[in-house]
Protein backbone atom coordinates (compact mmCIF):
# COMPACT_ATOMS: atom_id res chain seq x y z
CA MET A 1 0.00 0.00 0.00
CA ALA A 2 1.40 3.36 -1.04
CA LEU A 3 1.65 6.00 1.65
CA ASP A 4 0.68 9.63 1.17
CA ILE A 5 4.04 11.24 0.40
CA ASP A 6 3.97 14.98 -0.24
CA GLU A 7 6.34 17.07 -2.36
CA ILE A 8 8.65 17.91 0.57
CA ASP A 9 8.97 14.22 1.49
CA ARG A 10 9.79 13.47 -2.16
CA LYS A 11 12.52 16.13 -2.12
CA LEU A 12 13.94 14.70 1.11
CA LEU A 13 13.94 11.19 -0.34
CA ALA A 14 15.54 12.35 -3.59
CA GLU A 15 18.34 14.10 -1.69
CA LEU A 16 18.93 11.14 0.64
CA GLN A 17 19.05 8.76 -2.32
CA ARG A 18 21.74 10.93 -3.90
CA ASP A 19 23.74 11.15 -0.65
CA GLY A 20 22.73 9.21 2.46
CA THR A 21 25.51 10.83 4.49
CA LEU A 22 23.90 14.29 4.51
CA SER A 23 23.50 15.79 7.97
CA VAL A 24 20.08 17.08 9.01
CA ASP A 25 21.44 20.62 8.64
CA GLN A 26 22.63 19.98 5.08
CA LEU A 27 19.39 18.22 4.18
CA SER A 28 17.22 21.00 5.61
CA GLU A 29 19.13 23.57 3.54
CA ARG A 30 18.67 21.58 0.34
CA VAL A 31 14.90 21.21 0.77
CA ALA A 32 14.30 24.67 2.33
CA LEU A 33 12.87 23.34 5.58
CA SER A 34 13.74 24.04 9.20
CA ARG A 35 16.16 21.63 10.86
CA ASN A 36 13.55 20.30 13.32
CA ALA A 37 10.83 19.87 10.69
CA CYS A 38 13.35 18.09 8.46
CA TRP A 39 14.43 15.75 11.29
CA ARG A 40 10.78 14.93 12.16
CA ARG A 41 9.95 14.11 8.54
CA VAL A 42 12.99 11.86 8.11
CA LYS A 43 12.14 10.04 11.36
CA ARG A 44 8.53 9.58 10.21
CA LEU A 45 9.70 8.22 6.84
CA GLU A 46 11.92 5.74 8.72
CA GLU A 47 9.12 4.73 11.10
CA ASP A 48 6.69 4.29 8.20
CA GLY A 49 9.20 2.01 6.49
CA VAL A 50 9.68 4.30 3.49
CA ILE A 51 13.36 4.69 4.37
CA THR A 52 14.45 1.10 4.97
CA GLY A 53 18.16 1.67 5.53
CA ARG A 54 21.24 3.64 4.58
CA VAL A 55 24.09 1.97 2.76
CA ALA A 56 27.36 2.66 1.01
CA LEU A 57 27.37 1.79 -2.69
CA VAL A 58 30.42 -0.23 -3.66
CA ASP A 59 32.18 -0.60 -7.03
CA ALA A 60 32.01 -4.38 -7.53
CA GLU A 61 34.63 -4.33 -10.28
CA LYS A 62 37.21 -2.78 -7.95
CA LEU A 63 36.56 -5.67 -5.56
CA GLY A 64 37.19 -8.26 -8.24
CA LEU A 65 33.51 -8.99 -8.89
CA GLY A 66 33.31 -7.56 -12.38
CA LEU A 67 30.92 -10.06 -13.95
CA SER A 68 27.21 -9.42 -13.56
CA VAL A 69 25.03 -12.43 -14.39
CA PHE A 70 21.31 -12.93 -14.88
CA ILE A 71 20.33 -16.51 -14.11
CA LEU A 72 17.09 -17.67 -15.74
CA ILE A 73 15.31 -20.54 -14.01
CA ARG A 74 12.40 -22.77 -14.89
CA THR A 75 11.14 -25.41 -12.52
CA SER A 76 8.53 -28.13 -12.76
CA ASN A 77 8.10 -28.23 -9.00
CA HIS A 78 6.01 -25.56 -7.29
CA ASP A 79 5.11 -27.18 -3.99
CA PRO A 80 5.68 -25.38 -0.67
CA GLU A 81 8.58 -27.62 0.41
CA TRP A 82 10.47 -26.98 -2.82
CA LEU A 83 9.85 -23.24 -2.53
CA GLN A 84 11.18 -23.25 1.03
CA ARG A 85 14.37 -25.05 -0.11
CA PHE A 86 14.73 -22.68 -3.07
CA ARG A 87 14.34 -19.58 -0.89
CA ALA A 88 16.88 -20.91 1.61
CA ALA A 89 19.31 -21.74 -1.20
CA VAL A 90 19.18 -18.40 -3.02
CA THR A 91 19.17 -16.25 0.11
CA GLY A 92 22.12 -18.23 1.49
CA LEU A 93 24.39 -17.56 -1.50
CA SER A 94 25.99 -14.13 -1.09
CA GLU A 95 26.84 -13.82 -4.80
CA ILE A 96 23.12 -13.70 -5.58
CA THR A 97 22.07 -10.07 -5.20
CA GLY A 98 18.50 -10.26 -6.50
CA VAL A 99 15.82 -12.93 -6.79
CA TYR A 100 12.56 -12.37 -8.66
CA ARG A 101 9.56 -14.69 -9.17
CA MET A 102 8.26 -14.01 -12.65
CA SER A 103 5.11 -14.27 -14.70
CA GLY A 104 5.31 -15.73 -18.20
CA ASP A 105 7.77 -18.33 -19.50
CA LEU A 106 10.37 -18.01 -16.74
CA ASP A 107 9.73 -18.94 -13.13
CA TYR A 108 12.63 -17.02 -11.54
CA VAL A 109 15.31 -14.55 -12.53
CA LEU A 110 18.35 -14.21 -10.30
CA ARG A 111 20.96 -11.47 -10.45
CA ALA A 112 24.47 -12.34 -9.30
CA ARG A 113 27.92 -10.75 -9.04
CA VAL A 114 30.97 -12.94 -9.52
CA ALA A 115 34.61 -12.59 -10.53
CA ASP A 116 34.43 -14.49 -13.82
CA VAL A 117 32.79 -17.40 -15.65
CA LYS A 118 34.61 -19.97 -13.50
CA ALA A 119 33.24 -18.28 -10.37
CA TYR A 120 29.76 -18.38 -11.93
CA ASP A 121 30.16 -22.11 -12.55
CA ARG A 122 31.08 -22.66 -8.89
CA LEU A 123 27.97 -20.67 -7.88
CA TYR A 124 25.85 -22.74 -10.28
CA GLN A 125 27.20 -26.00 -8.86
CA ARG A 126 26.45 -24.90 -5.29
CA LEU A 127 22.92 -23.80 -6.27
CA ILE A 128 21.93 -27.04 -8.01
CA ALA A 129 23.36 -29.06 -5.12
CA LYS A 130 20.89 -27.30 -2.80
CA VAL A 131 17.69 -27.45 -4.88
CA ALA A 132 16.41 -29.31 -7.95
CA LEU A 133 15.86 -27.09 -11.00
CA SER A 134 14.35 -28.08 -14.37
CA ASP A 135 16.18 -25.59 -16.58
CA VAL A 136 18.89 -23.06 -15.79
CA SER A 137 20.53 -20.68 -18.21
CA ALA A 138 22.69 -17.64 -17.68
CA SER A 139 23.19 -14.38 -19.51
CA PHE A 140 26.41 -12.50 -18.84
CA VAL A 141 26.26 -8.70 -18.87
CA MET A 142 28.54 -7.30 -21.57
CA GLU A 143 28.00 -3.63 -20.68
CA GLU A 144 26.12 -1.97 -17.83
CA ILE A 145 24.35 0.94 -19.46
CA LYS A 146 22.31 1.93 -16.42
CA GLU A 147 22.48 0.57 -12.86
CA THR A 148 20.82 2.45 -10.04
CA THR A 149 19.25 1.96 -6.64
CA VAL A 150 17.32 5.24 -6.91
CA VAL A 151 13.53 5.01 -6.71
CA PRO A 152 12.03 7.74 -8.93
CA MET A 153 10.49 10.61 -6.97
CA GLU A 154 8.64 12.34 -9.81
CA VAL A 155 4.89 12.63 -9.28
CA ARG A 156 3.03 10.90 -12.10
């Protein structure tokens, strides 16, 4: 359920998404709001679960994890026990950074970050040892044209 977020909240969120290290003073200046009003709004956004955390974004390539992989999965098993094993498997593998249950031809799409194709193969071997899958294929990212964590703040 979407919360009622006004224009000032949207400005606050846009600024915090650009730089989560901003002090309340800096943030209040950028959105033209008093320090106390700014602090109260940020706290409310945190309490309402709109702001779910603050993180540092890391350059994966500089850490030796330069290969981004999309793993496409089809399964013939959809029972609750299988799903529980699948969830445990994918959430327990740190290389997997996103897991999505899909409509259409694919059942799941996973996003992973690894060093190279050999590291992907090791990840694949660990995944299929944990849970039975009908069909697995991978697409390796050749060029990242756009990658962002920013949620759009424009009113539509």
